[in-house]
Amino acid sequence: MLTLSLSGVLAATSLAACGSGDDAEEYRGVCVDESTQQRVDDDRCDDDGTRVGGLGWVYFAAGTRLPALGARVSGGTAALPRGAAVTRGGVPGDGATVSRGGFGGGSDSSVGG
């Protein structure tokens, strides 16, 4: 019985682990000039998320409307939740809404996972 119970626990744990990756909230980053709080071209920020020269990434959760280039950035976060699926850049210049992807939803990294 111990083997059967242990197998059940391991199976449940495996399913929970698989499901948690699929359910990770997705975030999209835009590059922001921290002195003006305006969105700038994403090419000006480091791909790895490092803040350099007064420029940094601000991340918005799925379902959030992202600002256009030159617009003041409000909301969003610089500190992502553990395990968050993240894509930096790629937002049209006129803004967009962050959408949630499926398997292989286009995220370029997972934070703290």
C-alpha atoms as a PDB file:
ATOM      1  CA  MET A   1       0.000   0.000   0.000  1.00  0.00           C
ATOM      2  CA  LEU A   2       2.838   2.366   0.729  1.00  0.00           C
ATOM      3  CA  THR A   3       4.088   2.004  -2.844  1.00  0.00           C
ATOM      4  CA  LEU A   4       0.625   2.683  -4.234  1.00  0.00           C
ATOM      5  CA  SER A   5       0.167   5.766  -2.030  1.00  0.00           C
ATOM      6  CA  LEU A   6       3.601   7.093  -2.907  1.00  0.00           C
ATOM      7  CA  SER A   7       2.888   6.567  -6.616  1.00  0.00           C
ATOM      8  CA  GLY A   8      -0.347   8.509  -6.294  1.00  0.00           C
ATOM      9  CA  VAL A   9       1.411  11.393  -4.568  1.00  0.00           C
ATOM     10  CA  LEU A  10       4.153  11.482  -7.197  1.00  0.00           C
ATOM     11  CA  ALA A  11       1.610  11.436 -10.034  1.00  0.00           C
ATOM     12  CA  ALA A  12      -0.389  14.265  -8.470  1.00  0.00           C
ATOM     13  CA  THR A  13       2.785  16.276  -7.906  1.00  0.00           C
ATOM     14  CA  SER A  14       3.850  15.761 -11.527  1.00  0.00           C
ATOM     15  CA  LEU A  15       0.470  16.880 -12.820  1.00  0.00           C
ATOM     16  CA  ALA A  16       0.509  19.948 -10.582  1.00  0.00           C
ATOM     17  CA  ALA A  17       4.013  20.857 -11.759  1.00  0.00           C
ATOM     18  CA  CYS A  18       3.043  20.507 -15.415  1.00  0.00           C
ATOM     19  CA  GLY A  19      -0.104  22.531 -14.929  1.00  0.00           C
ATOM     20  CA  SER A  20       1.661  25.331 -13.090  1.00  0.00           C
ATOM     21  CA  GLY A  21       3.879  26.094 -16.104  1.00  0.00           C
ATOM     22  CA  ASP A  22       0.860  26.347 -18.384  1.00  0.00           C
ATOM     23  CA  ASP A  23      -0.959  28.577 -15.918  1.00  0.00           C
ATOM     24  CA  ALA A  24       1.961  30.969 -15.359  1.00  0.00           C
ATOM     25  CA  GLU A  25       0.794  34.513 -15.897  1.00  0.00           C
ATOM     26  CA  GLU A  26       2.305  36.012 -19.009  1.00  0.00           C
ATOM     27  CA  TYR A  27       3.937  39.428 -19.060  1.00  0.00           C
ATOM     28  CA  ARG A  28       5.117  41.648 -21.899  1.00  0.00           C
ATOM     29  CA  GLY A  29       7.877  44.183 -21.357  1.00  0.00           C
ATOM     30  CA  VAL A  30       8.285  47.613 -22.931  1.00  0.00           C
ATOM     31  CA  CYS A  31      11.414  49.757 -22.711  1.00  0.00           C
ATOM     32  CA  VAL A  32      11.016  52.904 -20.622  1.00  0.00           C
ATOM     33  CA  ASP A  33      13.161  55.999 -20.154  1.00  0.00           C
ATOM     34  CA  GLU A  34      13.098  56.212 -16.369  1.00  0.00           C
ATOM     35  CA  SER A  35      13.757  59.978 -16.291  1.00  0.00           C
ATOM     36  CA  THR A  36      10.694  60.828 -18.398  1.00  0.00           C
ATOM     37  CA  GLN A  37       8.595  57.699 -17.744  1.00  0.00           C
ATOM     38  CA  GLN A  38       7.943  57.486 -21.487  1.00  0.00           C
ATOM     39  CA  ARG A  39       8.048  54.378 -23.622  1.00  0.00           C
ATOM     40  CA  VAL A  40      11.029  54.304 -25.992  1.00  0.00           C
ATOM     41  CA  ASP A  41      12.071  51.890 -28.728  1.00  0.00           C
ATOM     42  CA  ASP A  42      12.677  48.404 -27.281  1.00  0.00           C
ATOM     43  CA  ASP A  43      16.068  48.190 -29.009  1.00  0.00           C
ATOM     44  CA  ARG A  44      17.382  50.717 -26.480  1.00  0.00           C
ATOM     45  CA  CYS A  45      16.997  48.264 -23.557  1.00  0.00           C
ATOM     46  CA  ASP A  46      19.163  45.221 -22.792  1.00  0.00           C
ATOM     47  CA  ASP A  47      17.611  41.918 -23.837  1.00  0.00           C
ATOM     48  CA  ASP A  48      18.405  40.318 -20.478  1.00  0.00           C
ATOM     49  CA  GLY A  49      16.263  42.793 -18.512  1.00  0.00           C
ATOM     50  CA  THR A  50      19.169  44.718 -16.952  1.00  0.00           C
ATOM     51  CA  ARG A  51      18.572  48.421 -16.304  1.00  0.00           C
ATOM     52  CA  VAL A  52      21.267  50.484 -18.030  1.00  0.00           C
ATOM     53  CA  GLY A  53      21.715  54.222 -18.544  1.00  0.00           C
ATOM     54  CA  GLY A  54      18.321  55.217 -17.185  1.00  0.00           C
ATOM     55  CA  LEU A  55      16.482  52.757 -19.401  1.00  0.00           C
ATOM     56  CA  GLY A  56      14.647  49.692 -18.166  1.00  0.00           C
ATOM     57  CA  TRP A  57      11.848  47.252 -18.819  1.00  0.00           C
ATOM     58  CA  VAL A  58       8.383  47.697 -17.375  1.00  0.00           C
ATOM     59  CA  TYR A  59       6.187  44.607 -17.547  1.00  0.00           C
ATOM     60  CA  PHE A  60       2.433  44.371 -18.010  1.00  0.00           C
ATOM     61  CA  ALA A  61       0.244  41.341 -17.253  1.00  0.00           C
ATOM     62  CA  ALA A  62      -1.996  39.553 -19.743  1.00  0.00           C
ATOM     63  CA  GLY A  63      -5.086  41.585 -20.606  1.00  0.00           C
ATOM     64  CA  THR A  64      -3.378  44.950 -20.026  1.00  0.00           C
ATOM     65  CA  ARG A  65      -3.258  47.675 -22.679  1.00  0.00           C
ATOM     66  CA  LEU A  66       0.356  48.673 -23.421  1.00  0.00           C
ATOM     67  CA  PRO A  67       1.400  52.271 -24.130  1.00  0.00           C
ATOM     68  CA  ALA A  68       2.449  53.522 -27.556  1.00  0.00           C
ATOM     69  CA  LEU A  69       5.962  54.799 -28.261  1.00  0.00           C
ATOM     70  CA  GLY A  70       6.435  58.220 -26.663  1.00  0.00           C
ATOM     71  CA  ALA A  71       3.456  57.759 -24.330  1.00  0.00           C
ATOM     72  CA  ARG A  72       3.827  58.050 -20.572  1.00  0.00           C
ATOM     73  CA  VAL A  73       3.980  54.626 -18.941  1.00  0.00           C
ATOM     74  CA  SER A  74       1.784  54.045 -15.905  1.00  0.00           C
ATOM     75  CA  GLY A  75       1.006  50.832 -14.145  1.00  0.00           C
ATOM     76  CA  GLY A  76       3.066  47.771 -14.889  1.00  0.00           C
ATOM     77  CA  THR A  77       5.884  46.462 -12.729  1.00  0.00           C
ATOM     78  CA  ALA A  78       9.651  46.138 -12.773  1.00  0.00           C
ATOM     79  CA  ALA A  79       9.509  43.211 -10.303  1.00  0.00           C
ATOM     80  CA  LEU A  80       7.937  40.089 -11.781  1.00  0.00           C
ATOM     81  CA  PRO A  81       6.263  37.322  -9.784  1.00  0.00           C
ATOM     82  CA  ARG A  82       8.135  34.047  -9.403  1.00  0.00           C
ATOM     83  CA  GLY A  83       7.655  31.802 -12.441  1.00  0.00           C
ATOM     84  CA  ALA A  84       6.146  34.513 -14.633  1.00  0.00           C
ATOM     85  CA  ALA A  85       6.376  33.925 -18.370  1.00  0.00           C
ATOM     86  CA  VAL A  86       8.025  36.991 -19.923  1.00  0.00           C
ATOM     87  CA  THR A  87       8.460  38.427 -23.397  1.00  0.00           C
ATOM     88  CA  ARG A  88      10.541  41.573 -23.768  1.00  0.00           C
ATOM     89  CA  GLY A  89       9.757  43.861 -26.680  1.00  0.00           C
ATOM     90  CA  GLY A  90       7.871  43.151 -29.851  1.00  0.00           C
ATOM     91  CA  VAL A  91       4.979  45.472 -28.995  1.00  0.00           C
ATOM     92  CA  PRO A  92       3.750  47.573 -31.942  1.00  0.00           C
ATOM     93  CA  GLY A  93       4.674  51.262 -31.796  1.00  0.00           C
ATOM     94  CA  ASP A  94       1.035  52.254 -31.402  1.00  0.00           C
ATOM     95  CA  GLY A  95       0.583  49.949 -28.385  1.00  0.00           C
ATOM     96  CA  ALA A  96      -1.277  46.672 -27.982  1.00  0.00           C
ATOM     97  CA  THR A  97      -3.030  44.474 -25.463  1.00  0.00           C
ATOM     98  CA  VAL A  98      -1.021  41.720 -23.796  1.00  0.00           C
ATOM     99  CA  SER A  99      -2.546  38.401 -24.787  1.00  0.00           C
ATOM    100  CA  ARG A 100      -2.156  35.053 -23.139  1.00  0.00           C
ATOM    101  CA  GLY A 101      -0.454  32.373 -25.257  1.00  0.00           C
ATOM    102  CA  GLY A 102      -0.909  28.627 -25.230  1.00  0.00           C
ATOM    103  CA  PHE A 103       1.815  26.010 -25.436  1.00  0.00           C
ATOM    104  CA  GLY A 104       4.989  27.759 -26.562  1.00  0.00           C
ATOM    105  CA  GLY A 105       3.212  31.092 -26.205  1.00  0.00           C
ATOM    106  CA  GLY A 106       6.194  33.069 -27.443  1.00  0.00           C
ATOM    107  CA  SER A 107       7.740  33.874 -24.093  1.00  0.00           C
ATOM    108  CA  ASP A 108      11.470  34.329 -24.136  1.00  0.00           C
ATOM    109  CA  SER A 109      12.077  33.463 -20.500  1.00  0.00           C
ATOM    110  CA  SER A 110      10.562  32.413 -17.227  1.00  0.00           C
ATOM    111  CA  VAL A 111      11.444  34.429 -14.146  1.00  0.00           C
ATOM    112  CA  GLY A 112      12.290  32.658 -10.919  1.00  0.00           C
ATOM    113  CA  GLY A 113      10.826  29.348 -12.097  1.00  0.00           C
END
